[in-house]
Amino acid sequence: MAQHAKDSPPASLDNPATVQAGARAFSERGCVNCHGGPGVNWAKFSEGLRPDPPDLKELADQLSPAQLFWVIKHGINMTGMPSFGLIEVPDQEIWTIVAFVKKLPSVSDADFKAWTAKP
């Protein structure tokens, strides 16, 4: 993956609006079903996936933004991680998810709930 993860974000991943848009996309695209989220438990079916979906709070600091982008865009073969690129999720939206995942360890339950609430 490291040799393929060469993309760089089109804008700052620290922008609060980008992080909040990423939280919404993370929730709406179903990422919470397998990875959970602040104050949100994983869906029961995800317990049957092998390998287990990782807790992204633990991985956020270990992976670069480019690596996260690559995994989200291309998926991981032989796992439950789909390719968001194949379902035509725009790169810009994938980058917002990357921004959110990078901030995930410090996102409170209340913030995630507010950012993902339906208007």
Protein backbone atom coordinates (compact mmCIF):
# COMPACT_ATOMS: atom_id res chain seq x y z
CA MET A 1 0.00 0.00 0.00
CA ALA A 2 2.77 2.46 0.92
CA GLN A 3 4.19 2.44 -2.61
CA HIS A 4 0.75 3.25 -4.05
CA ALA A 5 -0.32 5.89 -1.51
CA LYS A 6 1.03 8.94 -3.30
CA ASP A 7 -2.07 11.17 -3.40
CA SER A 8 -2.07 14.37 -1.38
CA PRO A 9 -5.07 16.27 -0.05
CA PRO A 10 -6.46 19.14 -2.10
CA ALA A 11 -6.91 21.32 1.02
CA SER A 12 -6.02 21.41 4.70
CA LEU A 13 -7.28 18.38 6.59
CA ASP A 14 -7.36 20.48 9.76
CA ASN A 15 -10.19 22.72 8.53
CA PRO A 16 -13.15 22.22 10.94
CA ALA A 17 -15.67 22.31 8.07
CA THR A 18 -13.74 19.56 6.27
CA VAL A 19 -13.58 17.40 9.41
CA GLN A 20 -17.31 17.88 10.03
CA ALA A 21 -18.15 17.03 6.41
CA GLY A 22 -16.02 13.92 6.84
CA ALA A 23 -17.95 12.94 9.98
CA ARG A 24 -21.21 13.21 8.02
CA ALA A 25 -19.81 11.15 5.12
CA PHE A 26 -18.37 8.57 7.58
CA SER A 27 -21.83 8.18 9.09
CA GLU A 28 -23.89 8.35 5.87
CA ARG A 29 -21.62 6.03 3.84
CA GLY A 30 -21.95 3.33 6.50
CA CYS A 31 -18.43 3.40 7.94
CA VAL A 32 -19.92 3.39 11.46
CA ASN A 33 -21.50 -0.01 10.79
CA CYS A 34 -18.11 -1.73 10.80
CA HIS A 35 -15.81 0.75 12.55
CA GLY A 36 -18.16 2.39 15.06
CA GLY A 37 -17.70 6.01 15.94
CA PRO A 38 -17.71 8.32 18.95
CA GLY A 39 -20.76 7.23 20.94
CA VAL A 40 -21.82 4.77 18.20
CA ASN A 41 -21.38 1.01 18.55
CA TRP A 42 -20.44 -1.22 15.64
CA ALA A 43 -23.33 -3.03 13.97
CA LYS A 44 -23.77 -6.61 15.18
CA PHE A 45 -23.03 -8.08 11.71
CA SER A 46 -19.52 -6.61 11.76
CA GLU A 47 -18.60 -9.11 14.49
CA GLY A 48 -18.72 -11.80 11.78
CA LEU A 49 -16.22 -10.11 9.46
CA ARG A 50 -12.77 -11.65 9.22
CA PRO A 51 -10.43 -10.03 9.66
CA ASP A 52 -12.14 -7.85 12.25
CA PRO A 53 -12.61 -4.23 11.14
CA PRO A 54 -10.02 -2.14 12.97
CA ASP A 55 -10.81 0.47 15.59
CA LEU A 56 -9.87 3.55 13.58
CA LYS A 57 -9.12 5.59 16.72
CA GLU A 58 -6.17 3.26 17.23
CA LEU A 59 -4.98 3.46 13.61
CA ALA A 60 -5.48 7.18 12.98
CA ASP A 61 -2.01 8.15 14.17
CA GLN A 62 -0.27 5.19 12.52
CA LEU A 63 -1.40 5.82 8.93
CA SER A 64 -0.63 8.83 6.78
CA PRO A 65 -3.46 10.74 5.09
CA ALA A 66 -2.29 9.30 1.74
CA GLN A 67 -2.48 5.74 3.10
CA LEU A 68 -5.98 6.29 4.49
CA PHE A 69 -7.10 7.81 1.19
CA TRP A 70 -5.74 4.82 -0.74
CA VAL A 71 -7.52 2.27 1.48
CA ILE A 72 -10.83 4.13 1.36
CA LYS A 73 -10.64 4.68 -2.40
CA HIS A 74 -9.44 1.19 -3.37
CA GLY A 75 -10.66 -1.03 -0.51
CA ILE A 76 -8.75 -4.03 0.80
CA ASN A 77 -8.94 -7.29 -1.12
CA MET A 78 -10.23 -10.36 0.71
CA THR A 79 -11.79 -8.27 3.51
CA GLY A 80 -15.08 -6.47 4.07
CA MET A 81 -13.47 -3.09 3.26
CA PRO A 82 -15.10 -1.93 0.01
CA SER A 83 -13.67 0.35 -2.65
CA PHE A 84 -15.34 3.74 -2.41
CA GLY A 85 -13.79 4.56 -5.79
CA LEU A 86 -15.73 1.75 -7.48
CA ILE A 87 -19.02 3.18 -6.24
CA GLU A 88 -17.91 6.57 -7.56
CA VAL A 89 -17.51 8.43 -4.28
CA PRO A 90 -15.73 11.65 -5.33
CA ASP A 91 -12.10 12.04 -4.25
CA GLN A 92 -13.01 15.29 -2.45
CA GLU A 93 -15.49 13.40 -0.26
CA ILE A 94 -12.94 10.66 0.44
CA TRP A 95 -10.50 13.36 1.60
CA THR A 96 -13.12 14.67 4.06
CA ILE A 97 -13.41 11.14 5.51
CA VAL A 98 -9.61 11.04 5.80
CA ALA A 99 -9.69 14.39 7.65
CA PHE A 100 -12.29 13.02 10.07
CA VAL A 101 -10.41 9.75 10.68
CA LYS A 102 -7.19 11.67 11.42
CA LYS A 103 -9.10 13.69 14.08
CA LEU A 104 -11.07 10.68 15.34
CA PRO A 105 -9.03 10.07 18.53
CA SER A 106 -9.97 13.55 19.82
CA VAL A 107 -13.61 13.73 18.63
CA SER A 108 -16.12 13.69 21.48
CA ASP A 109 -19.37 11.73 21.42
CA ALA A 110 -21.28 15.04 21.58
CA ASP A 111 -19.38 16.55 18.64
CA PHE A 112 -19.91 13.47 16.47
CA LYS A 113 -23.61 13.45 17.30
CA ALA A 114 -23.93 17.15 16.44
CA TRP A 115 -21.93 16.85 13.22
CA THR A 116 -23.95 13.85 11.97
CA ALA A 117 -27.44 14.97 13.04
CA LYS A 118 -29.98 15.17 10.27
CA PRO A 119 -31.04 18.78 9.61
